[in-house]
Amino acid sequence: MTGPAISVLLVDDHAVVREGYGRLLELSPDVRVAGEAADATQAYQRFCALHPDVVVMDLALPATVRTSPIAVVFLRAATRTMRTSTARWPATF
């Protein structure tokens, strides 16, 4: 790839999942993990601070009192989002 790498924000409440995705993404020279978040509040803060190109996010992420985990990112339509979940399909959201 010529040009800057694709920046990714990893969002999952399980550190081992974030680490696994991070290791996989490190295999590509075109991708860099810009940051990680363990909950919706952190995801929103890091999203606003880092402006990643892509967010890889667990759909089953626990919500905080005022923040839906999905709304954290979807309120910002400029970012591509890959949603992940270990829940059975169809996921409820």
C-alpha atoms as a PDB file:
ATOM      1  CA  MET A   1       0.000   0.000   0.000  1.00  0.00           C
ATOM      2  CA  THR A   2       1.255   3.434  -0.787  1.00  0.00           C
ATOM      3  CA  GLY A   3       0.227   6.113   1.637  1.00  0.00           C
ATOM      4  CA  PRO A   4      -0.748   6.027   5.268  1.00  0.00           C
ATOM      5  CA  ALA A   5      -1.841   2.824   6.961  1.00  0.00           C
ATOM      6  CA  ILE A   6      -5.491   2.233   7.815  1.00  0.00           C
ATOM      7  CA  SER A   7      -5.989   3.102  11.473  1.00  0.00           C
ATOM      8  CA  VAL A   8      -8.160   0.788  13.565  1.00  0.00           C
ATOM      9  CA  LEU A   9      -9.801   1.165  16.972  1.00  0.00           C
ATOM     10  CA  LEU A  10     -10.500  -2.164  18.709  1.00  0.00           C
ATOM     11  CA  VAL A  11     -13.495  -2.193  21.071  1.00  0.00           C
ATOM     12  CA  ASP A  12     -14.271  -5.243  23.201  1.00  0.00           C
ATOM     13  CA  ASP A  13     -14.703  -5.791  26.916  1.00  0.00           C
ATOM     14  CA  HIS A  14     -12.431  -8.854  26.763  1.00  0.00           C
ATOM     15  CA  ALA A  15      -8.723  -8.005  26.646  1.00  0.00           C
ATOM     16  CA  VAL A  16      -7.872 -11.358  25.061  1.00  0.00           C
ATOM     17  CA  VAL A  17     -10.190 -10.587  22.119  1.00  0.00           C
ATOM     18  CA  ARG A  18      -8.641  -7.152  21.592  1.00  0.00           C
ATOM     19  CA  GLU A  19      -5.189  -8.722  21.770  1.00  0.00           C
ATOM     20  CA  GLY A  20      -6.129 -11.403  19.249  1.00  0.00           C
ATOM     21  CA  TYR A  21      -7.508  -8.921  16.731  1.00  0.00           C
ATOM     22  CA  GLY A  22      -4.473  -6.718  17.289  1.00  0.00           C
ATOM     23  CA  ARG A  23      -2.075  -9.556  16.557  1.00  0.00           C
ATOM     24  CA  LEU A  24      -3.942 -10.465  13.389  1.00  0.00           C
ATOM     25  CA  LEU A  25      -3.996  -6.879  12.188  1.00  0.00           C
ATOM     26  CA  GLU A  26      -0.267  -6.468  12.888  1.00  0.00           C
ATOM     27  CA  LEU A  27       0.351  -9.028  10.154  1.00  0.00           C
ATOM     28  CA  SER A  28      -0.694  -6.459   7.565  1.00  0.00           C
ATOM     29  CA  PRO A  29       1.701  -3.589   6.859  1.00  0.00           C
ATOM     30  CA  ASP A  30      -1.290  -1.575   5.615  1.00  0.00           C
ATOM     31  CA  VAL A  31      -3.061  -1.570   8.978  1.00  0.00           C
ATOM     32  CA  ARG A  32      -2.141  -0.162  12.375  1.00  0.00           C
ATOM     33  CA  VAL A  33      -4.029  -0.448  15.633  1.00  0.00           C
ATOM     34  CA  ALA A  34      -4.539   3.156  16.704  1.00  0.00           C
ATOM     35  CA  GLY A  35      -6.081   2.261  20.041  1.00  0.00           C
ATOM     36  CA  GLU A  36      -8.223  -0.019  22.152  1.00  0.00           C
ATOM     37  CA  ALA A  37     -11.252   0.405  24.393  1.00  0.00           C
ATOM     38  CA  ALA A  38     -12.905  -1.921  26.902  1.00  0.00           C
ATOM     39  CA  ASP A  39     -16.265  -0.166  27.232  1.00  0.00           C
ATOM     40  CA  ALA A  40     -18.577   2.278  25.486  1.00  0.00           C
ATOM     41  CA  THR A  41     -17.303   5.326  27.334  1.00  0.00           C
ATOM     42  CA  GLN A  42     -13.668   4.557  26.487  1.00  0.00           C
ATOM     43  CA  ALA A  43     -14.674   3.790  22.897  1.00  0.00           C
ATOM     44  CA  TYR A  44     -16.301   7.171  22.473  1.00  0.00           C
ATOM     45  CA  GLN A  45     -13.391   9.036  24.089  1.00  0.00           C
ATOM     46  CA  ARG A  46     -10.766   7.228  22.036  1.00  0.00           C
ATOM     47  CA  PHE A  47     -12.821   7.523  18.870  1.00  0.00           C
ATOM     48  CA  CYS A  48     -13.035  11.304  19.307  1.00  0.00           C
ATOM     49  CA  ALA A  49      -9.333  11.579  20.140  1.00  0.00           C
ATOM     50  CA  LEU A  50      -7.930   9.198  17.513  1.00  0.00           C
ATOM     51  CA  HIS A  51     -10.307   9.570  14.532  1.00  0.00           C
ATOM     52  CA  PRO A  52      -9.693   5.997  13.324  1.00  0.00           C
ATOM     53  CA  ASP A  53     -10.537   4.899   9.801  1.00  0.00           C
ATOM     54  CA  VAL A  54     -12.169   1.680  11.040  1.00  0.00           C
ATOM     55  CA  VAL A  55     -13.695   0.522  14.319  1.00  0.00           C
ATOM     56  CA  VAL A  56     -13.840  -3.192  15.139  1.00  0.00           C
ATOM     57  CA  MET A  57     -16.496  -3.410  17.830  1.00  0.00           C
ATOM     58  CA  ASP A  58     -18.242  -6.094  19.859  1.00  0.00           C
ATOM     59  CA  LEU A  59     -22.020  -5.762  19.412  1.00  0.00           C
ATOM     60  CA  ALA A  60     -22.566  -7.372  22.796  1.00  0.00           C
ATOM     61  CA  LEU A  61     -20.478  -4.745  24.568  1.00  0.00           C
ATOM     62  CA  PRO A  62     -22.197  -3.825  27.842  1.00  0.00           C
ATOM     63  CA  ALA A  63     -23.852  -0.420  27.734  1.00  0.00           C
ATOM     64  CA  THR A  64     -23.205   2.264  30.268  1.00  0.00           C
ATOM     65  CA  VAL A  65     -25.997   4.279  31.819  1.00  0.00           C
ATOM     66  CA  ARG A  66     -25.953   6.998  29.178  1.00  0.00           C
ATOM     67  CA  THR A  67     -24.171   5.361  26.248  1.00  0.00           C
ATOM     68  CA  SER A  68     -25.307   2.590  23.957  1.00  0.00           C
ATOM     69  CA  PRO A  69     -22.232   0.710  22.719  1.00  0.00           C
ATOM     70  CA  ILE A  70     -23.458   0.809  19.151  1.00  0.00           C
ATOM     71  CA  ALA A  71     -24.424   4.481  19.223  1.00  0.00           C
ATOM     72  CA  VAL A  72     -20.909   5.378  20.335  1.00  0.00           C
ATOM     73  CA  VAL A  73     -19.627   4.863  16.829  1.00  0.00           C
ATOM     74  CA  PHE A  74     -22.681   5.090  14.623  1.00  0.00           C
ATOM     75  CA  LEU A  75     -23.283   8.669  15.684  1.00  0.00           C
ATOM     76  CA  ARG A  76     -20.138   9.370  13.703  1.00  0.00           C
ATOM     77  CA  ALA A  77     -21.008   8.194  10.207  1.00  0.00           C
ATOM     78  CA  ALA A  78     -17.602   9.058   8.741  1.00  0.00           C
ATOM     79  CA  THR A  79     -16.023   5.893  10.108  1.00  0.00           C
ATOM     80  CA  ARG A  80     -16.325   2.395   8.715  1.00  0.00           C
ATOM     81  CA  THR A  81     -17.387  -0.065  11.404  1.00  0.00           C
ATOM     82  CA  MET A  82     -16.915  -3.804  11.585  1.00  0.00           C
ATOM     83  CA  ARG A  83     -19.250  -5.221  14.200  1.00  0.00           C
ATOM     84  CA  THR A  84     -18.340  -8.410  16.011  1.00  0.00           C
ATOM     85  CA  SER A  85     -20.228 -10.516  18.511  1.00  0.00           C
ATOM     86  CA  THR A  86     -20.081 -13.940  20.057  1.00  0.00           C
ATOM     87  CA  ALA A  87     -23.869 -13.848  20.425  1.00  0.00           C
ATOM     88  CA  ARG A  88     -25.988 -16.097  18.269  1.00  0.00           C
ATOM     89  CA  TRP A  89     -27.487 -14.586  15.153  1.00  0.00           C
ATOM     90  CA  PRO A  90     -29.770 -12.746  14.848  1.00  0.00           C
ATOM     91  CA  ALA A  91     -28.237 -10.396  17.329  1.00  0.00           C
ATOM     92  CA  THR A  92     -30.598  -8.081  19.134  1.00  0.00           C
ATOM     93  CA  PHE A  93     -29.815  -4.417  18.775  1.00  0.00           C
END
